[in-house]
Amino acid sequence: MTSEVLQKARDFEAHYGPHIPEAERPAFHATPTIGWMNDPNGFSFYKGVCHLFYQYHPYSNEWGPMHWGHLTTRDFLHWERLPAALAPDREYDAAGCFSGSAAELSDGRQLLMYTGVRRDRDEEGFIRDVQTQCIALGDGVNYEKCDLNPVLSGPDLPPGGSTVDFRDPKIWQEPDGTFYAVIGNRTDDGSGAILLYQSKDEGKSWTFVRTLDACHNQYGKMWECPDFFPLDGRQVILTSPQDMNPIGLEFHAGNGTLCLIGDLDPDGSFARKYTQAVDYGLDFYAPQTVAAPDGRRVMIAWMQNWATVGAKPDQCRWFGQMTLPRELSIRDGRLYQLPVRELERCRGQQVVHRFIPVSGEVNLPGVQGRVLDMTVTVRPTGGEIYRWFRIRVAKDGEHETIIRYKPNESTLKIDRTRSGLPHDIVHTRSFLVRPKNGELKLRVILDRFSVEVFVNDGEQAASSVIYTRQEADAITFEAGGQALVDVEKYDLKL
């Protein structure tokens, strides 16, 4: 039965959401029906359809009491809006239905597992969160919270675990029918860990298995939004650490993303082999993956940054969007990611320029737009190396977003200083790239309010939100010295 709190949210979004014109949204990135969106939740397949839930506050464009919004898609690009799935309407989740995941059960129902948050006073009188894990069961539209909730709480934590930071269950089912969940937790050393639980009765009761991996104050503090999955013969952990200290150009300060690639030892414990950032741009957090029916591992994330959420366009009726879903693979000990292949079916007219010498700033015929898929390959001419190379997108006389490469430093920089949002926030980020025989390949995806750059066929990715007016659609290329450039550009028709 739908609670009064959930029905209120559904009525609100049904009344006000349709008034937002589609032209005010991205063409193919997921956005909330109305109001605020953050972490992706429940990215899963149910009865052959991909479901995406998300952290949601419908009543304003600010973070508020967390609901679960709901979308579905059949191609990762076109999104159907469904009514809100969860609302904070019970004692154990009155302060919010935080992040979680979803799975299909043997009886045909869909299981949602989420973090319920209530507020309590500690022994010193301070208000604190108490976080527990809860479940709801439903038919893909309507869900009933389980009478057994919470199914995981303080007594289920290992020694030293925190009930204040115990959140974001990611569940999956093994072939023998056993369900597993990884959950983020803060340990007694003040930093994060990922806890592994199992359930033999499809999510109703859970037992602690082990600490899968722990931070030990090496990569930030609390580890949020964990994911754990096999990929190309390895095991992968994704998590989003809070309070990171920068480590070279690999990890930036603040809220970051962390990919751990390793193997399972004979006793089932995880052994790290490789460590890297997941995304190197300005806006990327809380990634979640799904195993698609065709075998692909597909990832989506919140394309936003907690440090910059206070900077919004005036009177925006929605805030927050997801990244373009990405196909994952492992090559040479690195996580690779590329836009889902369905995007290529949306390509319109092709514009190609080969072996173009660039010195100073140049326009190329047919290369412009704000909803497009463009690959740029840059290399030296002869034996002389150029000092820098820039691609300027979403450009007019006042605005532009810059992608700049310095070959002598092997650095790529994303700069949205003039991208339509005059607030004092983080506008630039640089990271190391790995040119191949002096050549760098950049695939740039534009979608009205974002730029996503994929380096060297997915070896690295960098995401950034932009707010430049849509009329700013020029693209130019510029070199300090002379570079040789190939450009292949497609408008995207969705």
Foldseek 3Di string as FASTA:
>chain_A
DDDPQLVVQQVLLVVPLVVDDPVVDWQFFDFASWADWFWWAAQEDAPLKTKIWTFDDRPHNDDAATFIWIWIDNQLGDIDGARTAGGLDDQQQVSHFAHEHWDADPVRKIKTKTKGWHWDADPVGDIAIFIAIWMWIGNRHYTHTDPLPPQGGDVQDDPQWDRRQWTYWYWDADPVGKIKTWIWTFGNVQAIWIWMWIDNPVPNHIHTDGTQDTCSVPAAGTWHQWDWDDAPNKIKIKTWHAQGPDDPQFFHGGIFIKIFIFHADPVRHTDGDDITGAARADFWHNKDWYQRPVGWIKIKTKRHDPQCSVFDPPPGGTDTTMDQIWTWHDDPRAIFTDHPPSQVVQFDDKDKDFFDKFAFKDADPPPWAQAKKKKKKKAADPPDDFQKKWKWFLADPQATWIWMAGVVQQKTKTARCRQATPDPTDGMGMHHDDADPRMKMWIWGGTQFKIKIAIPNGRHIYIHGGHRPRVSIGIMMHTRPIMTMIMMMTHGHD
